[in-house]
N, C-alpha and C. Protein backbone atom coordinates (compact mmCIF):
# COMPACT_ATOMS: atom_id res chain seq x y z
N MET A 1 -4.92 8.16 -22.78
CA MET A 1 -5.40 8.19 -21.41
C MET A 1 -4.19 8.28 -20.48
N ASN A 2 -4.24 9.21 -19.50
CA ASN A 2 -3.10 9.34 -18.60
C ASN A 2 -3.15 8.27 -17.51
N LEU A 3 -2.07 8.17 -16.77
CA LEU A 3 -1.92 7.11 -15.77
C LEU A 3 -3.01 7.16 -14.70
N GLU A 4 -3.36 8.36 -14.25
CA GLU A 4 -4.40 8.48 -13.22
C GLU A 4 -5.74 7.97 -13.74
N ASN A 5 -6.09 8.35 -14.97
CA ASN A 5 -7.35 7.88 -15.54
C ASN A 5 -7.33 6.38 -15.78
N GLU A 6 -6.19 5.85 -16.19
CA GLU A 6 -6.06 4.40 -16.36
C GLU A 6 -6.30 3.68 -15.03
N ALA A 7 -5.71 4.20 -13.96
CA ALA A 7 -5.88 3.60 -12.64
C ALA A 7 -7.34 3.67 -12.19
N LYS A 8 -7.98 4.81 -12.41
CA LYS A 8 -9.39 4.95 -12.03
C LYS A 8 -10.26 3.98 -12.82
N GLN A 9 -9.98 3.84 -14.11
CA GLN A 9 -10.76 2.92 -14.94
C GLN A 9 -10.55 1.48 -14.46
N TRP A 10 -9.31 1.13 -14.15
CA TRP A 10 -9.00 -0.22 -13.67
C TRP A 10 -9.76 -0.51 -12.39
N MET A 11 -9.75 0.46 -11.45
CA MET A 11 -10.44 0.26 -10.18
C MET A 11 -11.96 0.21 -10.38
N LYS A 12 -12.47 1.05 -11.26
CA LYS A 12 -13.91 1.06 -11.52
C LYS A 12 -14.36 -0.28 -12.08
N GLU A 13 -13.58 -0.82 -13.00
CA GLU A 13 -13.92 -2.11 -13.61
C GLU A 13 -13.93 -3.22 -12.57
N ARG A 14 -13.13 -3.10 -11.56
CA ARG A 14 -13.05 -4.12 -10.52
C ARG A 14 -13.88 -3.75 -9.29
N LYS A 15 -14.63 -2.66 -9.39
CA LYS A 15 -15.52 -2.21 -8.32
C LYS A 15 -14.76 -2.01 -7.01
N THR A 16 -13.58 -1.45 -7.11
CA THR A 16 -12.78 -1.24 -5.91
C THR A 16 -12.68 0.24 -5.55
N MET A 17 -13.49 1.06 -6.17
CA MET A 17 -13.47 2.49 -5.83
C MET A 17 -14.05 2.67 -4.43
N SER A 18 -13.49 3.60 -3.70
CA SER A 18 -13.95 3.89 -2.35
C SER A 18 -14.17 5.39 -2.22
N GLY A 19 -14.99 5.77 -1.29
CA GLY A 19 -15.25 7.18 -1.06
C GLY A 19 -14.24 7.84 -0.15
N ILE A 20 -13.40 7.09 0.54
CA ILE A 20 -12.46 7.66 1.49
C ILE A 20 -11.22 8.18 0.75
N THR A 21 -10.75 9.33 1.18
CA THR A 21 -9.53 9.87 0.61
C THR A 21 -8.33 9.41 1.43
N ALA A 22 -7.16 9.54 0.84
CA ALA A 22 -5.94 9.17 1.56
C ALA A 22 -5.76 10.04 2.80
N THR A 23 -6.08 11.30 2.68
CA THR A 23 -5.95 12.21 3.82
C THR A 23 -6.90 11.82 4.93
N GLU A 24 -8.14 11.52 4.59
CA GLU A 24 -9.11 11.10 5.60
C GLU A 24 -8.66 9.80 6.27
N TYR A 25 -8.16 8.87 5.46
CA TYR A 25 -7.66 7.62 6.03
C TYR A 25 -6.54 7.90 7.02
N GLN A 26 -5.61 8.74 6.63
CA GLN A 26 -4.46 9.03 7.49
C GLN A 26 -4.92 9.64 8.81
N ILE A 27 -5.85 10.55 8.75
CA ILE A 27 -6.37 11.20 9.97
C ILE A 27 -7.08 10.17 10.86
N ARG A 28 -7.95 9.38 10.25
CA ARG A 28 -8.71 8.41 11.05
C ARG A 28 -7.82 7.29 11.57
N ALA A 29 -6.85 6.87 10.79
CA ALA A 29 -5.93 5.82 11.25
C ALA A 29 -5.11 6.30 12.44
N ALA A 30 -4.74 7.57 12.43
CA ALA A 30 -3.94 8.13 13.53
C ALA A 30 -4.68 8.07 14.86
N GLU A 31 -6.00 8.04 14.80
CA GLU A 31 -6.80 7.95 16.03
C GLU A 31 -6.60 6.61 16.74
N THR A 32 -6.06 5.62 16.03
CA THR A 32 -5.85 4.29 16.62
C THR A 32 -4.38 4.01 16.90
N ALA A 33 -3.54 5.02 16.75
CA ALA A 33 -2.09 4.83 16.90
C ALA A 33 -1.69 4.78 18.37
N ILE A 34 -1.22 3.62 18.78
CA ILE A 34 -0.72 3.44 20.14
C ILE A 34 0.66 2.80 20.03
N PHE A 35 1.67 3.59 20.31
CA PHE A 35 3.05 3.10 20.30
C PHE A 35 3.92 4.11 21.03
N PRO A 36 5.11 3.70 21.44
CA PRO A 36 6.00 4.62 22.17
C PRO A 36 6.46 5.77 21.27
N ARG A 37 6.05 6.97 21.57
CA ARG A 37 6.34 8.13 20.72
C ARG A 37 7.84 8.42 20.60
N GLU A 38 8.60 8.09 21.64
CA GLU A 38 10.04 8.37 21.58
C GLU A 38 10.77 7.43 20.61
N LYS A 39 10.11 6.36 20.21
CA LYS A 39 10.68 5.41 19.24
C LYS A 39 9.73 5.23 18.05
N ALA A 40 8.97 6.27 17.75
CA ALA A 40 7.92 6.16 16.73
C ALA A 40 8.46 5.73 15.37
N LEU A 41 9.51 6.37 14.89
CA LEU A 41 10.04 6.04 13.56
C LEU A 41 10.47 4.58 13.49
N GLU A 42 11.19 4.13 14.49
CA GLU A 42 11.65 2.75 14.51
C GLU A 42 10.48 1.78 14.62
N TYR A 43 9.55 2.06 15.53
CA TYR A 43 8.41 1.19 15.76
C TYR A 43 7.57 1.04 14.49
N ILE A 44 7.25 2.16 13.88
CA ILE A 44 6.41 2.15 12.68
C ILE A 44 7.10 1.42 11.53
N THR A 45 8.37 1.69 11.34
CA THR A 45 9.12 1.04 10.26
C THR A 45 9.18 -0.47 10.46
N LEU A 46 9.45 -0.90 11.68
CA LEU A 46 9.48 -2.34 11.96
C LEU A 46 8.11 -2.97 11.78
N GLY A 47 7.07 -2.26 12.19
CA GLY A 47 5.71 -2.76 11.99
C GLY A 47 5.38 -2.92 10.51
N LEU A 48 5.78 -1.94 9.71
CA LEU A 48 5.55 -2.01 8.26
C LEU A 48 6.26 -3.22 7.66
N CYS A 49 7.50 -3.43 8.05
CA CYS A 49 8.24 -4.59 7.54
C CYS A 49 7.59 -5.90 7.98
N GLY A 50 7.14 -5.94 9.21
CA GLY A 50 6.48 -7.15 9.72
C GLY A 50 5.21 -7.47 8.96
N GLU A 51 4.39 -6.47 8.71
CA GLU A 51 3.13 -6.69 7.98
C GLU A 51 3.40 -7.08 6.54
N ALA A 52 4.38 -6.46 5.91
CA ALA A 52 4.73 -6.84 4.54
C ALA A 52 5.24 -8.28 4.52
N GLY A 53 5.97 -8.66 5.56
CA GLY A 53 6.43 -10.04 5.67
C GLY A 53 5.28 -11.02 5.83
N GLU A 54 4.23 -10.61 6.53
CA GLU A 54 3.06 -11.49 6.67
C GLU A 54 2.39 -11.72 5.32
N ILE A 55 2.34 -10.67 4.50
CA ILE A 55 1.78 -10.84 3.14
C ILE A 55 2.64 -11.81 2.35
N ALA A 56 3.94 -11.61 2.39
CA ALA A 56 4.85 -12.49 1.66
C ALA A 56 4.69 -13.93 2.11
N ASN A 57 4.52 -14.16 3.40
CA ASN A 57 4.37 -15.51 3.92
C ASN A 57 3.06 -16.14 3.45
N LYS A 58 1.99 -15.37 3.41
CA LYS A 58 0.70 -15.89 2.93
C LYS A 58 0.78 -16.25 1.45
N VAL A 59 1.45 -15.43 0.67
CA VAL A 59 1.61 -15.73 -0.75
C VAL A 59 2.48 -16.96 -0.94
N LYS A 60 3.54 -17.07 -0.15
CA LYS A 60 4.42 -18.25 -0.21
C LYS A 60 3.64 -19.52 0.07
N LYS A 61 2.81 -19.49 1.11
CA LYS A 61 2.02 -20.67 1.45
C LYS A 61 0.97 -20.99 0.40
N LEU A 62 0.45 -19.96 -0.24
CA LEU A 62 -0.49 -20.19 -1.33
C LEU A 62 0.20 -20.91 -2.48
N ILE A 63 1.42 -20.51 -2.78
CA ILE A 63 2.20 -21.18 -3.82
C ILE A 63 2.51 -22.61 -3.41
N ARG A 64 2.95 -22.78 -2.17
CA ARG A 64 3.35 -24.10 -1.69
C ARG A 64 2.18 -25.06 -1.57
N ASP A 65 1.08 -24.60 -0.96
CA ASP A 65 -0.02 -25.49 -0.64
C ASP A 65 -1.12 -25.51 -1.68
N GLY A 66 -1.21 -24.46 -2.49
CA GLY A 66 -2.31 -24.36 -3.43
C GLY A 66 -3.63 -24.25 -2.68
N ALA A 67 -4.72 -24.25 -3.40
CA ALA A 67 -6.04 -24.17 -2.77
C ALA A 67 -7.11 -24.36 -3.83
N ASP A 68 -8.25 -24.90 -3.38
CA ASP A 68 -9.40 -24.91 -4.29
C ASP A 68 -9.92 -23.48 -4.39
N ILE A 69 -10.91 -23.24 -5.20
CA ILE A 69 -11.37 -21.86 -5.44
C ILE A 69 -11.84 -21.19 -4.16
N GLU A 70 -12.52 -21.93 -3.27
CA GLU A 70 -12.98 -21.35 -2.01
C GLU A 70 -11.79 -21.01 -1.11
N GLY A 71 -10.85 -21.93 -1.01
CA GLY A 71 -9.65 -21.69 -0.21
C GLY A 71 -8.81 -20.57 -0.79
N TYR A 72 -8.74 -20.50 -2.10
CA TYR A 72 -7.98 -19.45 -2.77
C TYR A 72 -8.58 -18.08 -2.44
N ASN A 73 -9.90 -17.97 -2.56
CA ASN A 73 -10.56 -16.70 -2.25
C ASN A 73 -10.38 -16.32 -0.79
N ASP A 74 -10.41 -17.32 0.11
CA ASP A 74 -10.18 -17.05 1.52
C ASP A 74 -8.77 -16.50 1.73
N LYS A 75 -7.80 -17.09 1.06
CA LYS A 75 -6.42 -16.62 1.21
C LYS A 75 -6.25 -15.22 0.63
N LEU A 76 -6.95 -14.92 -0.47
CA LEU A 76 -6.90 -13.57 -1.02
C LEU A 76 -7.49 -12.56 -0.03
N ASN A 77 -8.56 -12.94 0.64
CA ASN A 77 -9.15 -12.06 1.66
C ASN A 77 -8.18 -11.84 2.81
N GLN A 78 -7.45 -12.87 3.20
CA GLN A 78 -6.46 -12.73 4.26
C GLN A 78 -5.35 -11.77 3.82
N ILE A 79 -4.93 -11.89 2.58
CA ILE A 79 -3.90 -10.99 2.04
C ILE A 79 -4.44 -9.56 2.05
N GLY A 80 -5.70 -9.39 1.67
CA GLY A 80 -6.32 -8.07 1.69
C GLY A 80 -6.33 -7.46 3.08
N ALA A 81 -6.60 -8.27 4.08
CA ALA A 81 -6.59 -7.77 5.46
C ALA A 81 -5.19 -7.32 5.85
N GLU A 82 -4.19 -8.07 5.45
CA GLU A 82 -2.80 -7.68 5.73
C GLU A 82 -2.43 -6.41 4.98
N LEU A 83 -2.96 -6.24 3.76
CA LEU A 83 -2.71 -5.00 3.02
C LEU A 83 -3.23 -3.80 3.80
N GLY A 84 -4.36 -3.98 4.47
CA GLY A 84 -4.88 -2.90 5.32
C GLY A 84 -3.90 -2.54 6.42
N ASP A 85 -3.26 -3.54 7.01
CA ASP A 85 -2.27 -3.28 8.05
C ASP A 85 -1.06 -2.56 7.48
N VAL A 86 -0.63 -2.97 6.29
CA VAL A 86 0.49 -2.29 5.62
C VAL A 86 0.13 -0.83 5.37
N LEU A 87 -1.08 -0.61 4.89
CA LEU A 87 -1.53 0.76 4.63
C LEU A 87 -1.53 1.60 5.90
N TRP A 88 -1.98 1.01 7.00
CA TRP A 88 -1.99 1.73 8.27
C TRP A 88 -0.58 2.19 8.62
N TYR A 89 0.37 1.28 8.52
CA TYR A 89 1.76 1.65 8.83
C TYR A 89 2.30 2.67 7.85
N CYS A 90 1.95 2.59 6.57
CA CYS A 90 2.38 3.60 5.60
C CYS A 90 1.83 4.96 5.98
N ALA A 91 0.55 5.00 6.37
CA ALA A 91 -0.07 6.27 6.76
C ALA A 91 0.61 6.85 7.99
N MET A 92 0.93 5.99 8.96
CA MET A 92 1.56 6.47 10.19
C MET A 92 3.01 6.90 9.93
N LEU A 93 3.69 6.18 9.04
CA LEU A 93 5.06 6.57 8.71
C LEU A 93 5.07 7.91 7.99
N ALA A 94 4.15 8.11 7.07
CA ALA A 94 4.05 9.41 6.39
C ALA A 94 3.79 10.52 7.42
N LYS A 95 2.88 10.26 8.34
CA LYS A 95 2.57 11.25 9.38
C LYS A 95 3.80 11.54 10.23
N GLU A 96 4.52 10.49 10.58
CA GLU A 96 5.69 10.64 11.44
C GLU A 96 6.77 11.52 10.78
N VAL A 97 6.89 11.44 9.46
CA VAL A 97 7.88 12.25 8.75
C VAL A 97 7.24 13.52 8.18
N ASP A 98 6.06 13.85 8.71
CA ASP A 98 5.35 15.09 8.41
C ASP A 98 4.98 15.20 6.92
N MET A 99 4.43 14.11 6.39
CA MET A 99 3.96 14.10 5.01
C MET A 99 2.50 13.68 4.97
N ASN A 100 1.78 14.25 4.03
CA ASN A 100 0.40 13.87 3.80
C ASN A 100 0.39 12.65 2.89
N LEU A 101 -0.34 11.61 3.29
CA LEU A 101 -0.37 10.36 2.52
C LEU A 101 -0.86 10.60 1.10
N GLY A 102 -1.85 11.45 0.92
CA GLY A 102 -2.34 11.77 -0.42
C GLY A 102 -1.25 12.38 -1.28
N SER A 103 -0.46 13.27 -0.71
CA SER A 103 0.64 13.89 -1.45
C SER A 103 1.70 12.86 -1.81
N VAL A 104 1.98 11.95 -0.89
CA VAL A 104 2.94 10.87 -1.18
C VAL A 104 2.46 10.06 -2.37
N MET A 105 1.16 9.74 -2.38
CA MET A 105 0.58 8.96 -3.47
C MET A 105 0.64 9.73 -4.79
N GLU A 106 0.28 11.01 -4.76
CA GLU A 106 0.32 11.83 -5.98
C GLU A 106 1.74 11.95 -6.52
N ASN A 107 2.70 12.18 -5.62
CA ASN A 107 4.10 12.29 -6.05
C ASN A 107 4.58 10.99 -6.69
N ASN A 108 4.15 9.86 -6.11
CA ASN A 108 4.55 8.57 -6.66
C ASN A 108 3.96 8.38 -8.06
N LEU A 109 2.68 8.72 -8.24
CA LEU A 109 2.06 8.59 -9.56
C LEU A 109 2.74 9.50 -10.58
N SER A 110 3.13 10.71 -10.16
CA SER A 110 3.83 11.63 -11.06
C SER A 110 5.18 11.04 -11.48
N LYS A 111 5.88 10.47 -10.51
CA LYS A 111 7.17 9.85 -10.80
C LYS A 111 7.00 8.71 -11.80
N LEU A 112 5.99 7.88 -11.56
CA LEU A 112 5.75 6.74 -12.45
C LEU A 112 5.32 7.18 -13.84
N ALA A 113 4.50 8.22 -13.91
CA ALA A 113 4.06 8.73 -15.21
C ALA A 113 5.24 9.28 -15.99
N ASP A 114 6.15 9.95 -15.29
CA ASP A 114 7.36 10.46 -15.94
C ASP A 114 8.22 9.31 -16.47
N ARG A 115 8.39 8.27 -15.66
CA ARG A 115 9.17 7.11 -16.11
C ARG A 115 8.49 6.44 -17.30
N LYS A 116 7.18 6.35 -17.25
CA LYS A 116 6.45 5.73 -18.37
C LYS A 116 6.65 6.54 -19.64
N ALA A 117 6.55 7.85 -19.55
CA ALA A 117 6.73 8.73 -20.70
C ALA A 117 8.13 8.60 -21.30
N ARG A 118 9.11 8.32 -20.45
CA ARG A 118 10.50 8.16 -20.90
C ARG A 118 10.88 6.70 -21.14
N ASN A 119 9.87 5.80 -21.06
CA ASN A 119 10.10 4.37 -21.24
C ASN A 119 11.14 3.84 -20.25
N ARG A 120 11.00 4.23 -18.99
CA ARG A 120 11.95 3.84 -17.94
C ARG A 120 11.26 3.17 -16.76
N LEU A 121 10.10 2.54 -16.98
CA LEU A 121 9.42 1.85 -15.88
C LEU A 121 10.23 0.67 -15.39
N GLN A 122 10.91 0.00 -16.28
CA GLN A 122 11.73 -1.15 -15.89
C GLN A 122 13.15 -0.68 -15.64
N GLY A 123 13.89 -1.49 -14.92
CA GLY A 123 15.27 -1.17 -14.64
C GLY A 123 15.51 -1.04 -13.16
N ASP A 124 16.69 -0.61 -12.81
CA ASP A 124 17.09 -0.50 -11.42
C ASP A 124 17.37 0.96 -11.06
N GLY A 125 17.27 1.23 -9.78
CA GLY A 125 17.64 2.54 -9.26
C GLY A 125 16.49 3.50 -9.19
N ASP A 126 16.64 4.45 -8.27
CA ASP A 126 15.60 5.45 -8.06
C ASP A 126 15.60 6.52 -9.15
N ASN A 127 16.74 6.79 -9.71
CA ASN A 127 16.87 7.90 -10.67
C ASN A 127 16.92 7.43 -12.11
N ARG A 128 15.95 6.61 -12.50
CA ARG A 128 15.95 6.15 -13.88
C ARG A 128 14.97 6.92 -14.72
């Protein structure tokens, strides 16, 4: 089974499949983009870092404070909401550098499949 089929099977098993495409998401997300266009690259990049930091902080607090099952599920939902914000910034950053989000995703999966085939998923550096 190739990497794409493995990912689809994993998502299907967890009922996380969605009907929206990456391209559709990118187009619809752009309709909500309000930021200074002359500083778009900087603004979007800083926003992406900030949202990723919010996820990290929520995970840190989950480790520190723990939670019962209800609290744990609530914290997972909060993390999921922050993931949506990260995705928004990824989509806008791709748009800003004139890339289609779906193509970015496909290229990433191809890169990972190549690394997997060469047994190079682990390690350091971009060119492994």
